Every structure is written in structure tokens, then in C-alpha cells.
Amino acid sequence: MKQTSKSENERVIVVGGGIAGIAAALRLAEEGVPTLLLETRRKLGGRATSFDDVRTGERLDNCQHIAMGCCTNYLDLLDRLGVADKIAWSRDIWWIEPGGRRSVVRPGPLPAPAHFGASFLRARFLSIDEKFAIALGMHHAAYADLDACASITFAAWLERHGQSPSVIDKFWAPVVVSACNLWPDRLAASEALHVFQEGFLAHRDAAMIGVPTTPLVELYDEAERVIARAGGELKLGESVTRVSTNEVETAQGERLSAQAVICAVPFERAVRIIDERAKHFDGRFSKLGELEHSPILGIHLVFDRPVMDVPHAALVGMGTQWLFRKDDAGTRIHAVISGAFDWMPLSEEEIVARVLSDVRACLPPARDAELVSGRPVKEKRATLAPTPQSISARPTTTGPSGIILAGDYVRTGWPSTMEGAARSGYLAAAAALGRDEEWALKPSLAEAPLYRSARAFAHLVGAS
């Protein structure tokens, strides 16, 4: 029988090298804990990574991932990796209609939650009646009790608060489907309202949009060095077939022991590799089968001339939801379609044709431009589908088995986003170290005094 070494008794094994696994391993290594990070692929990042396209030889992101000013823990992770300066920030949110008419929403001089008020009133893609309806909806969103809204869909909540189909199509849906990767008719209202409360209303910097200026996979280069300095190791191309409380088994049959194991793989894989005995007495794992996926489609477009002169834009009323300019000239565009269930069966040619039609409808310079290349990338299992049923089934970080879970699907107080993944990794590291949540997490942006006072008053009088 193999004897367990002292180092094995002290180390922590993290299975999965996505954002959650990286975050957990980094925090452990910074505390001097020997950490073994195992990742099946030959690169880090999980679903938020890049690939070398064999057709063009270019390094492309799986999909355009963005940060927001309210993503305090994900931004902290980038800072710990030394790549915080590789994010380009913008306060402007552009909306472009068919025909090319533009509106821009940006923070003004008023304090939160009124900071978008002036530019919102000037926005041309909404009528006066639609703006009034949205303002009323925002009022209710600001004071909503998230726990009380977890069992209904966002569509039901919007209908309850007088939001018309046109307002939903033009404003509410584009925001929440890009943030939560699900449409209002299936999305849990609590997830959508979290986005508006923390991402738009609480702080004037919360809605800032940050776009990586380098391929996503290059953001994680420092992780291996941090882990190694603490006596740990990163193993890429290492598949794990079984996870238990203090041991993992690899595809090669090797058994690796540790003081704690963090399972940071997607939920559909966690179900397959968690030890069967642990499943019998830890109720978290039986609920993983209730979770669902939601897909994202990213399309890389290259034109023969400049077609886009703003860094990003939401397309009003189009199937293609967002465009991101990928070079200074504006010849390269990354189009994004979230909650892309209807797009998954389409061929690459059909996808490119539809997206190109939307781009040419909204960006006049694209009408005379020739498309040099179009490369769709389907992520069928991009995120958790945050339905009311899935939300109630999200597992906690720890449970009776002692196996520690991490991933964007874990219950963190945040939707299934990169921020949620970073938070889950930090909480997993805290669990392995016996630390509390206060040690683990960076606090959210402080609520603006006006917003905080208004919410306190609303709760006092029983608003919901």
C-alpha cells in the first residue's frame, strides 16, 4: 500500500482549470498551500478561453466575454494574475437601430441610481411612453426582494409591472439575455433583477464595460508561476475520472491524495466523476441533474474595409444582439448571440448569412464592404440556464461528503457569469483553508447613498 507523504497531507487538489479552478488555486497558492491544479485540456480558461483556428492560423476567443465594473471578484482575480491592465473600459453603451440611427447611454452628473437619467431621456430608439414604462420598471426593480422573485420568470415579473412587448424586445431582453444567457420567458426574475440592482442602479461605475485587449487564454499565463512558487503544480492534459473527499483518480489509474479536493468542473461532468458513495449521503449531487445549459454563439467577422467606429453596440430588434470591434480600424467584428437555442441547428453558412444581414442593416459602412471571412463558434453548454427550477437546485460550496464544489453554477449570490465563477473559486479556497466568506470575497461596490436610502425606505414601507 502506498504511504501518504507529508506534502500530500498538506496539499489541495483542484480539478478543473476554468476561472473557478484558477481562482481557487491562486488563493490557495498565495497562502502557501501546495496546490495541484489538474485540467483535461492543454490550456486554461475552461469556456472562457481561446483556440488556434486551423483555418486561418489566428488565435480566436470562444466567445466575447466582458467584465463590468460591478464584477469585483473577477477583477480582483485579474489583478492577482497581473493582467488588470489588459482590459479596455468604456462608460458608453451604444444602441444601433436598423438604418444606422444611434443612441448612447452613459452616466451623467446625477448620483446613482439617477446617473443614466439624462442620456436615457435622449435615447432615440425608445418612445416617450416606452421610456416612462422603463423608468417605472426600474423603480420596481430597485426595490425588489430577490428571494421573493426566485420562483417566477422575469417575463412574469415584467408583465406584472406593466412592461409592453415592445419595451421588453427593445430594452429589457437585450440586457438580461446578454448578462444571464437566457430569455425572459425562462429566466428566473431574481437573476435578472440582480443584474439591474447591482449592475446598473447601485453605483455609477457598476455598468462600465470592460473588454479584454488580448486573447482570453493569455490572461491566465501567470497562474502556473504563482502555483509553482508555493510548491504546487499545474498539470494540463490530465483527465480525472473520480473525485472523493481526499482523493482523485486520473484516467491513467493514478490515485492522488490531498487534505482537500475542490471539484471545479462543469456540473454535467461533476455528476460523472464524483464518487458514487459520496452521492448517497450528500444531497447536493442528486440535484445537479436538475440543472440545464444555455448556449452562446460567437461569430468572428473580417471585412475588407472599416465598418464599425464604436467599441461595442447593442443592435435594436435584431437577431444578432451585440457587436464588438476587435481592431482599431474597425474591420474585425465579433458578433454575439446569447441564449442561442434557435441558432444551434443552423449551418455555418446560414449563421454567417443571418449575422451579415443584421450587420449591414445597422452599420451603413458594411453595406458596400466585402466579407473576407466569417467564423461561427458554438458553445452549446456555455452557462447554466438560470430558470427558477435551476436556481433552486444550485448546490452550496460544501456539504456532508466534504467534497468542495466550485464553478459558475454553484450558489454564490451571483448569476452564472465570470464573476460568479471567480466568487465560487474564492469560496472554495476559503472552505479548504477553514476561512470565512469575509476573507474569501471582495465586497461589492458600495451602494450610492441615495440608492441605499431609497431602498431602506422602500423596505420600511413594505415595497416589493
Protein backbone atom coordinates (compact mmCIF):
# COMPACT_ATOMS: atom_id res chain seq x y z
CA MET A 1 0.00 0.00 0.00
CA LYS A 2 1.33 3.41 -0.93
CA GLN A 3 2.15 5.63 2.05
CA THR A 4 0.85 9.18 2.02
CA SER A 5 3.64 11.74 2.14
CA LYS A 6 3.61 14.82 4.29
CA SER A 7 3.25 17.01 1.22
CA GLU A 8 0.16 15.05 0.15
CA ASN A 9 -1.36 15.60 3.59
CA GLU A 10 -0.80 19.35 3.21
CA ARG A 11 -1.74 19.87 -0.41
CA VAL A 12 -5.08 20.66 -2.01
CA ILE A 13 -6.08 19.23 -5.38
CA VAL A 14 -8.18 21.42 -7.68
CA VAL A 15 -9.86 19.55 -10.54
CA GLY A 16 -10.68 21.88 -13.43
CA GLY A 17 -8.74 24.81 -14.86
CA GLY A 18 -11.56 27.20 -15.72
CA ILE A 19 -11.97 30.54 -13.99
CA ALA A 20 -13.31 28.91 -10.80
CA GLY A 21 -10.42 26.44 -10.60
CA ILE A 22 -7.83 29.11 -11.35
CA ALA A 23 -9.31 31.40 -8.70
CA ALA A 24 -9.28 28.64 -6.08
CA ALA A 25 -5.75 27.51 -6.89
CA LEU A 26 -4.42 31.06 -6.91
CA ARG A 27 -5.84 31.93 -3.50
CA LEU A 28 -4.52 28.68 -2.01
CA ALA A 29 -1.07 29.17 -3.51
CA GLU A 30 -0.91 32.74 -2.20
CA GLU A 31 -1.47 31.29 1.28
CA GLY A 32 1.49 28.96 0.80
CA VAL A 33 -0.61 25.83 0.27
CA PRO A 34 0.92 23.32 -2.18
CA THR A 35 -1.78 23.09 -4.82
CA LEU A 36 -2.13 20.60 -7.65
CA LEU A 37 -4.32 22.01 -10.45
CA LEU A 38 -5.48 19.37 -12.94
CA GLU A 39 -7.04 20.34 -16.28
CA THR A 40 -8.20 17.95 -19.02
CA ARG A 41 -7.41 20.36 -21.85
CA ARG A 42 -3.99 21.62 -22.87
CA LYS A 43 -4.89 25.17 -21.84
CA LEU A 44 -6.54 27.07 -19.02
CA GLY A 45 -9.76 29.05 -19.02
CA GLY A 46 -12.50 26.45 -19.49
CA ARG A 47 -15.29 28.02 -21.53
CA ALA A 48 -13.71 31.48 -21.22
CA THR A 49 -10.65 30.74 -23.32
CA SER A 50 -9.25 30.90 -26.86
CA PHE A 51 -8.32 28.46 -29.61
CA ASP A 52 -5.94 28.48 -32.56
CA ASP A 53 -8.13 28.39 -35.64
CA VAL A 54 -6.72 25.85 -38.09
CA ARG A 55 -8.45 27.61 -40.98
CA THR A 56 -6.79 30.98 -40.53
CA GLY A 57 -3.97 30.34 -38.07
CA GLU A 58 -5.40 33.08 -35.84
CA ARG A 59 -6.00 32.82 -32.10
CA LEU A 60 -9.72 33.40 -31.52
CA ASP A 61 -11.78 33.60 -28.35
CA ASN A 62 -14.54 31.00 -27.97
CA CYS A 63 -16.89 33.91 -27.42
CA GLN A 64 -16.64 37.56 -26.45
CA HIS A 65 -16.52 37.70 -22.66
CA ILE A 66 -16.77 41.05 -20.92
CA ALA A 67 -16.34 42.34 -17.40
CA MET A 68 -18.44 45.00 -15.73
CA GLY A 69 -17.45 47.46 -13.06
CA CYS A 70 -19.57 45.54 -10.56
CA CYS A 71 -17.57 42.32 -11.09
CA THR A 72 -15.32 42.98 -8.10
CA ASN A 73 -14.05 39.44 -7.59
CA TYR A 74 -13.33 38.69 -11.24
CA LEU A 75 -11.44 41.99 -11.46
CA ASP A 76 -9.57 41.06 -8.30
CA LEU A 77 -8.59 37.78 -9.95
CA LEU A 78 -7.21 39.64 -12.97
CA ASP A 79 -5.27 41.88 -10.62
CA ARG A 80 -3.76 38.87 -8.85
CA LEU A 81 -2.78 37.49 -12.26
CA GLY A 82 -1.14 40.81 -13.14
CA VAL A 83 -3.33 41.42 -16.19
CA ALA A 84 -5.79 44.05 -14.97
CA ASP A 85 -4.26 46.48 -17.47
CA LYS A 86 -5.34 44.20 -20.34
CA ILE A 87 -8.95 45.31 -20.03
CA ALA A 88 -10.22 48.27 -22.08
CA TRP A 89 -13.01 50.13 -20.28
CA SER A 90 -15.94 52.14 -21.61
CA ARG A 91 -18.74 54.01 -19.85
CA ASP A 92 -20.79 54.36 -23.03
CA ILE A 93 -23.39 51.79 -24.08
CA TRP A 94 -24.27 52.17 -27.75
CA TRP A 95 -27.60 51.13 -29.24
CA ILE A 96 -27.90 50.98 -33.04
CA GLU A 97 -31.16 50.57 -34.94
CA PRO A 98 -31.74 49.22 -38.45
CA GLY A 99 -30.82 52.07 -40.77
CA GLY A 100 -27.91 53.10 -38.57
CA ARG A 101 -29.51 55.54 -36.14
CA ARG A 102 -27.61 55.55 -32.84
CA SER A 103 -28.27 56.25 -29.21
CA VAL A 104 -25.71 56.23 -26.44
CA VAL A 105 -26.46 55.76 -22.76
CA ARG A 106 -23.77 56.97 -20.38
CA PRO A 107 -23.53 58.13 -16.74
CA GLY A 108 -24.26 61.81 -16.21
CA PRO A 109 -23.72 64.17 -13.27
CA LEU A 110 -26.63 62.89 -11.14
CA PRO A 111 -25.89 60.39 -8.36
CA ALA A 112 -26.90 56.72 -8.64
CA PRO A 113 -29.50 55.46 -9.28
CA ALA A 114 -30.34 58.52 -11.45
CA HIS A 115 -26.94 58.68 -13.19
CA PHE A 116 -28.22 57.33 -16.53
CA GLY A 117 -31.31 59.56 -16.47
CA ALA A 118 -30.25 62.36 -18.82
CA SER A 119 -28.81 60.18 -21.59
CA PHE A 120 -31.71 57.73 -21.24
CA LEU A 121 -34.16 60.54 -21.89
CA ARG A 122 -32.21 61.46 -25.05
CA ALA A 123 -32.12 57.88 -26.36
CA ARG A 124 -33.84 57.84 -29.75
CA PHE A 125 -34.62 54.13 -30.04
CA LEU A 126 -37.37 54.44 -27.41
CA SER A 127 -40.57 56.49 -27.49
CA ILE A 128 -41.62 58.75 -24.63
CA ASP A 129 -44.19 56.20 -23.45
CA GLU A 130 -41.59 53.41 -23.58
CA LYS A 131 -39.15 55.47 -21.55
CA PHE A 132 -41.80 56.16 -18.94
CA ALA A 133 -42.62 52.44 -18.72
CA ILE A 134 -38.95 51.50 -18.35
CA ALA A 135 -38.43 54.15 -15.66
CA LEU A 136 -41.38 52.72 -13.73
CA GLY A 137 -39.98 49.20 -14.18
CA MET A 138 -36.57 50.34 -12.94
CA HIS A 139 -38.24 51.86 -9.88
CA HIS A 140 -39.78 48.49 -9.03
CA ALA A 141 -36.55 46.64 -9.87
CA ALA A 142 -34.56 48.80 -7.48
CA TYR A 143 -36.69 47.77 -4.52
CA ALA A 144 -37.48 44.17 -5.46
CA ASP A 145 -36.80 41.38 -2.96
CA LEU A 146 -34.64 38.92 -4.93
CA ASP A 147 -35.50 35.90 -2.80
CA ALA A 148 -39.21 36.55 -3.30
CA CYS A 149 -38.67 36.70 -7.08
CA ALA A 150 -36.69 33.46 -7.45
CA SER A 151 -39.71 31.28 -8.21
CA ILE A 152 -41.13 33.32 -11.12
CA THR A 153 -39.81 34.18 -14.56
CA PHE A 154 -38.61 37.63 -15.47
CA ALA A 155 -41.29 37.77 -18.17
CA ALA A 156 -43.96 37.28 -15.49
CA TRP A 157 -42.36 39.99 -13.36
CA LEU A 158 -42.24 42.41 -16.30
CA GLU A 159 -45.88 41.76 -17.16
CA ARG A 160 -46.83 42.34 -13.53
CA HIS A 161 -45.14 45.73 -13.69
CA GLY A 162 -46.71 46.93 -16.92
CA GLN A 163 -43.89 46.37 -19.42
CA SER A 164 -45.15 46.04 -23.01
CA PRO A 165 -43.76 43.55 -25.56
CA SER A 166 -42.04 46.37 -27.49
CA VAL A 167 -40.28 47.63 -24.35
CA ILE A 168 -39.20 44.11 -23.48
CA ASP A 169 -37.87 43.47 -27.00
CA LYS A 170 -36.01 46.77 -27.25
CA PHE A 171 -34.60 47.12 -23.74
CA TRP A 172 -35.16 44.52 -21.03
CA ALA A 173 -34.46 41.40 -23.12
CA PRO A 174 -31.20 42.60 -24.75
CA VAL A 175 -29.76 43.49 -21.34
CA VAL A 176 -30.69 40.33 -19.45
CA VAL A 177 -30.08 37.82 -22.22
CA SER A 178 -26.51 39.12 -22.62
CA ALA A 179 -25.92 39.14 -18.85
CA CYS A 180 -27.72 35.91 -17.89
CA ASN A 181 -27.71 33.99 -21.20
CA LEU A 182 -31.41 33.23 -21.11
CA TRP A 183 -34.57 34.90 -22.41
CA PRO A 184 -37.09 36.50 -20.03
CA ASP A 185 -39.76 33.82 -20.58
CA ARG A 186 -37.49 31.22 -18.92
CA LEU A 187 -35.13 33.35 -16.84
CA ALA A 188 -35.64 33.47 -13.07
CA ALA A 189 -36.69 37.01 -12.15
CA SER A 190 -34.23 37.06 -9.25
CA GLU A 191 -31.27 36.68 -11.64
CA ALA A 192 -32.44 39.44 -13.95
CA LEU A 193 -33.22 41.83 -11.12
CA HIS A 194 -29.80 41.17 -9.60
CA VAL A 195 -28.27 42.44 -12.85
CA PHE A 196 -30.22 45.69 -12.72
CA GLN A 197 -29.77 46.27 -8.99
CA GLU A 198 -26.05 45.62 -8.79
CA GLY A 199 -25.06 46.29 -12.38
CA PHE A 200 -26.95 49.49 -13.16
CA LEU A 201 -28.59 51.13 -10.17
CA ALA A 202 -26.39 50.82 -7.08
CA HIS A 203 -23.21 52.59 -8.24
CA ARG A 204 -22.30 54.86 -11.15
CA ASP A 205 -19.30 52.68 -12.11
CA ALA A 206 -21.16 49.38 -11.94
CA ALA A 207 -22.21 49.28 -15.61
CA MET A 208 -18.80 50.08 -17.07
CA ILE A 209 -17.98 47.57 -19.80
CA GLY A 210 -14.51 46.02 -19.84
CA VAL A 211 -13.32 44.09 -22.89
CA PRO A 212 -10.04 42.10 -22.89
CA THR A 213 -7.43 43.51 -25.27
CA THR A 214 -5.65 40.16 -25.54
CA PRO A 215 -6.92 36.64 -26.30
CA LEU A 216 -8.62 35.24 -23.20
CA VAL A 217 -6.22 32.32 -22.80
CA GLU A 218 -3.31 34.73 -22.38
CA LEU A 219 -4.91 36.21 -19.25
CA TYR A 220 -4.05 33.04 -17.32
CA ASP A 221 -0.32 32.78 -18.08
CA GLU A 222 0.73 33.87 -14.59
CA ALA A 223 -1.31 31.19 -12.80
CA GLU A 224 1.27 28.43 -13.25
CA ARG A 225 4.07 30.59 -11.84
CA VAL A 226 2.05 31.55 -8.74
CA ILE A 227 1.15 27.92 -8.08
CA ALA A 228 4.74 26.76 -8.56
CA ARG A 229 6.13 29.38 -6.15
CA ALA A 230 4.02 27.81 -3.39
CA GLY A 231 5.35 24.33 -4.14
CA GLY A 232 2.37 23.35 -6.25
CA GLU A 233 1.97 22.18 -9.82
CA LEU A 234 -0.23 22.69 -12.86
CA LYS A 235 -0.87 19.61 -14.99
CA LEU A 236 -2.55 20.17 -18.34
CA GLY A 237 -3.94 17.29 -20.38
CA GLU A 238 -4.69 15.39 -17.16
CA SER A 239 -8.16 13.90 -17.11
CA VAL A 240 -9.82 12.91 -13.82
CA THR A 241 -12.29 10.02 -13.65
CA ARG A 242 -13.20 10.04 -9.94
CA VAL A 243 -13.31 12.63 -7.16
CA SER A 244 -13.75 11.83 -3.48
CA THR A 245 -13.21 13.75 -0.25
CA ASN A 246 -9.43 13.35 -0.09
CA GLU A 247 -8.52 11.64 -3.33
CA VAL A 248 -8.81 11.86 -7.09
CA GLU A 249 -8.22 9.18 -9.68
CA THR A 250 -6.85 10.02 -13.11
CA ALA A 251 -7.63 8.43 -16.46
CA GLN A 252 -4.27 6.66 -16.20
CA GLY A 253 -5.40 4.95 -12.97
CA GLU A 254 -3.19 7.07 -10.70
CA ARG A 255 -4.64 7.87 -7.27
CA LEU A 256 -3.66 11.24 -5.82
CA SER A 257 -4.28 12.10 -2.17
CA ALA A 258 -4.73 15.51 -0.57
CA GLN A 259 -6.04 17.19 2.56
CA ALA A 260 -8.92 18.57 0.49
CA VAL A 261 -10.28 18.25 -3.04
CA ILE A 262 -12.02 21.03 -4.95
CA CYS A 263 -14.16 19.87 -7.88
CA ALA A 264 -14.21 22.85 -10.25
CA VAL A 265 -15.51 21.22 -13.43
CA PRO A 266 -18.87 21.98 -15.13
CA PHE A 267 -21.88 20.42 -13.44
CA GLU A 268 -22.53 17.86 -16.18
CA ARG A 269 -19.02 16.48 -15.71
CA ALA A 270 -19.13 16.70 -11.92
CA VAL A 271 -22.09 14.31 -11.97
CA ARG A 272 -19.97 11.76 -13.81
CA ILE A 273 -16.78 11.90 -11.74
CA ILE A 274 -17.95 12.41 -8.14
CA ASP A 275 -17.54 9.22 -6.13
CA GLU A 276 -20.73 7.13 -6.03
CA ARG A 277 -20.53 6.67 -2.26
CA ALA A 278 -20.43 10.43 -1.76
CA LYS A 279 -23.58 10.82 -3.86
CA HIS A 280 -25.54 8.62 -1.46
CA PHE A 281 -25.23 10.90 1.56
CA ASP A 282 -24.65 14.34 0.03
CA GLY A 283 -27.87 15.74 -1.36
CA ARG A 284 -26.07 18.41 -3.38
CA PHE A 285 -25.13 15.92 -6.06
CA SER A 286 -28.59 14.48 -6.72
CA LYS A 287 -29.79 17.99 -7.58
CA LEU A 288 -27.11 18.50 -10.22
CA GLY A 289 -29.27 16.50 -12.61
CA GLU A 290 -31.90 19.26 -12.41
CA LEU A 291 -29.54 21.87 -13.87
CA GLU A 292 -29.76 22.88 -17.53
CA HIS A 293 -27.45 24.52 -20.07
CA SER A 294 -27.90 27.60 -22.20
CA PRO A 295 -25.85 28.14 -25.41
CA ILE A 296 -23.93 31.14 -26.73
CA LEU A 297 -22.94 31.76 -30.32
CA GLY A 298 -19.94 33.90 -31.24
CA ILE A 299 -19.22 34.91 -34.84
CA HIS A 300 -15.86 36.33 -35.93
CA LEU A 301 -16.24 38.57 -38.98
CA VAL A 302 -13.49 40.19 -41.06
CA PHE A 303 -14.28 42.85 -43.68
CA ASP A 304 -12.13 44.33 -46.42
CA ARG A 305 -12.59 47.88 -45.04
CA PRO A 306 -13.63 49.63 -41.80
CA VAL A 307 -17.30 49.08 -40.92
CA MET A 308 -17.55 49.90 -37.19
CA ASP A 309 -16.32 53.03 -35.42
CA VAL A 310 -17.56 52.37 -31.87
CA PRO A 311 -16.09 49.79 -29.46
CA HIS A 312 -19.34 47.87 -28.99
CA ALA A 313 -23.05 48.16 -29.69
CA ALA A 314 -26.38 46.50 -28.97
CA LEU A 315 -28.44 46.02 -32.13
CA VAL A 316 -32.06 47.04 -31.58
CA GLY A 317 -34.65 44.46 -32.63
CA MET A 318 -32.18 42.20 -34.45
CA GLY A 319 -31.35 38.51 -34.04
CA THR A 320 -27.72 39.46 -33.60
CA GLN A 321 -27.62 41.05 -30.16
CA TRP A 322 -24.18 42.63 -29.70
CA LEU A 323 -21.21 43.64 -31.83
CA PHE A 324 -17.67 44.21 -30.55
CA ARG A 325 -14.96 45.92 -32.58
CA LYS A 326 -11.79 43.81 -32.43
CA ASP A 327 -9.26 46.12 -34.07
CA ASP A 328 -8.60 49.85 -34.17
CA ALA A 329 -9.57 50.11 -37.82
CA GLY A 330 -12.98 48.54 -37.34
CA THR A 331 -12.54 45.81 -39.98
CA ARG A 332 -12.84 42.95 -37.46
CA ILE A 333 -16.07 42.38 -35.55
CA HIS A 334 -17.12 39.79 -33.01
CA ALA A 335 -20.89 39.28 -33.02
CA VAL A 336 -22.57 37.64 -30.03
CA ILE A 337 -25.91 35.86 -29.68
CA SER A 338 -26.75 34.67 -26.15
CA GLY A 339 -29.49 32.21 -25.29
CA ALA A 340 -28.91 30.99 -28.85
CA PHE A 341 -31.13 27.90 -28.80
CA ASP A 342 -32.70 28.63 -32.20
CA TRP A 343 -29.29 29.18 -33.79
CA MET A 344 -27.66 25.89 -32.77
CA PRO A 345 -29.18 23.74 -35.57
CA LEU A 346 -28.08 26.20 -38.28
CA SER A 347 -25.11 25.57 -40.54
CA GLU A 348 -22.10 27.90 -40.52
CA GLU A 349 -23.19 29.36 -43.84
CA GLU A 350 -26.69 30.09 -42.56
CA ILE A 351 -25.35 31.69 -39.38
CA VAL A 352 -22.92 33.93 -41.23
CA ALA A 353 -25.61 34.98 -43.73
CA ARG A 354 -28.04 35.98 -40.97
CA VAL A 355 -25.45 37.87 -38.95
CA LEU A 356 -24.09 39.62 -42.02
CA SER A 357 -27.61 40.75 -42.90
CA ASP A 358 -28.05 42.22 -39.39
CA VAL A 359 -24.67 43.96 -39.51
CA ARG A 360 -25.38 45.52 -42.88
CA ALA A 361 -28.82 46.63 -41.70
CA CYS A 362 -27.37 48.51 -38.72
CA LEU A 363 -23.89 49.56 -39.89
CA PRO A 364 -24.17 51.51 -43.16
CA PRO A 365 -20.43 51.21 -44.00
CA ALA A 366 -20.83 47.41 -44.04
CA ARG A 367 -23.25 47.52 -46.95
CA ASP A 368 -20.52 48.16 -49.51
CA ALA A 369 -17.86 46.15 -47.67
CA GLU A 370 -16.88 42.66 -48.71
CA LEU A 371 -16.84 39.96 -46.06
CA VAL A 372 -13.39 38.39 -46.09
CA SER A 373 -14.18 35.66 -43.58
CA GLY A 374 -16.87 34.58 -41.14
CA ARG A 375 -16.21 32.06 -38.39
CA PRO A 376 -19.06 30.97 -36.07
CA VAL A 377 -18.20 29.29 -32.76
CA LYS A 378 -20.97 27.40 -30.99
CA GLU A 379 -20.83 26.93 -27.22
CA LYS A 380 -23.78 24.62 -26.63
CA ARG A 381 -23.03 24.27 -22.92
CA ALA A 382 -21.89 27.82 -22.34
CA THR A 383 -23.55 28.50 -18.98
CA LEU A 384 -26.13 27.34 -16.52
CA ALA A 385 -29.65 28.14 -17.76
CA PRO A 386 -30.88 30.16 -14.76
CA THR A 387 -34.51 29.07 -14.72
CA PRO A 388 -36.48 29.15 -11.46
CA GLN A 389 -36.01 25.36 -11.27
CA SER A 390 -32.25 25.54 -11.81
CA ILE A 391 -31.81 28.36 -9.32
CA SER A 392 -33.34 26.30 -6.52
CA ALA A 393 -31.10 23.34 -7.42
CA ARG A 394 -27.79 25.23 -7.39
CA PRO A 395 -25.54 23.49 -4.84
CA THR A 396 -23.60 25.04 -1.99
CA THR A 397 -19.81 25.05 -1.87
CA THR A 398 -19.58 22.49 0.94
CA GLY A 399 -21.69 19.55 2.07
CA PRO A 400 -21.67 16.34 4.15
CA SER A 401 -19.27 14.48 1.85
CA GLY A 402 -16.50 17.03 2.34
CA ILE A 403 -16.06 17.44 -1.42
CA ILE A 404 -15.74 21.15 -2.18
CA LEU A 405 -17.54 22.44 -5.28
CA ALA A 406 -16.58 25.42 -7.43
CA GLY A 407 -17.99 26.69 -10.71
CA ASP A 408 -20.32 29.33 -12.05
CA TYR A 409 -23.26 27.02 -11.28
CA VAL A 410 -22.52 26.93 -7.53
CA ARG A 411 -24.63 29.07 -5.21
CA THR A 412 -22.59 32.28 -4.79
CA GLY A 413 -25.18 35.06 -4.67
CA TRP A 414 -24.42 35.88 -8.31
CA PRO A 415 -25.72 34.70 -11.68
CA SER A 416 -23.74 32.16 -13.73
CA THR A 417 -21.08 34.58 -15.01
CA MET A 418 -17.32 35.03 -14.84
CA GLU A 419 -17.90 36.96 -11.61
CA GLY A 420 -19.91 34.04 -10.27
CA ALA A 421 -17.11 31.64 -11.25
CA ALA A 422 -14.43 33.77 -9.56
CA ARG A 423 -16.55 34.06 -6.41
CA SER A 424 -17.06 30.31 -6.32
CA GLY A 425 -13.32 29.68 -6.61
CA TYR A 426 -12.59 32.09 -3.79
CA LEU A 427 -15.26 30.48 -1.59
CA ALA A 428 -13.86 27.03 -2.36
CA ALA A 429 -10.36 28.12 -1.31
CA ALA A 430 -11.81 29.55 1.90
CA ALA A 431 -13.55 26.24 2.62
CA ALA A 432 -10.31 24.32 2.12
CA LEU A 433 -8.50 26.70 4.47
CA GLY A 434 -11.24 26.92 7.07
CA ARG A 435 -11.72 30.63 6.38
CA ASP A 436 -14.98 32.55 6.17
CA GLU A 437 -16.76 34.37 3.37
CA GLU A 438 -15.47 37.75 4.53
CA TRP A 439 -11.90 36.54 3.95
CA ALA A 440 -12.84 34.98 0.61
CA LEU A 441 -14.73 37.67 -1.23
CA LYS A 442 -14.09 41.19 -2.31
CA PRO A 443 -17.09 43.31 -1.33
CA SER A 444 -19.47 44.64 -3.95
CA LEU A 445 -19.23 48.27 -4.97
CA ALA A 446 -20.63 50.41 -2.17
CA GLU A 447 -24.23 51.42 -2.78
CA ALA A 448 -24.64 55.11 -3.51
CA PRO A 449 -26.15 56.95 -0.52
CA LEU A 450 -29.29 57.96 -2.44
CA TYR A 451 -29.88 54.41 -3.64
CA ARG A 452 -29.24 52.94 -0.20
CA SER A 453 -31.58 55.40 1.50
CA ALA A 454 -34.34 54.85 -1.04
CA ARG A 455 -34.12 51.06 -0.68
CA ALA A 456 -34.17 51.31 3.10
CA PHE A 457 -37.29 53.45 2.95
CA ALA A 458 -38.97 51.08 0.49
CA HIS A 459 -38.35 48.09 2.75
CA LEU A 460 -39.63 50.06 5.69
CA VAL A 461 -42.96 50.73 4.00
CA GLY A 462 -43.13 47.23 2.53
CA ALA A 463 -42.41 47.86 -1.17
CA SER A 464 -41.63 44.81 -3.29
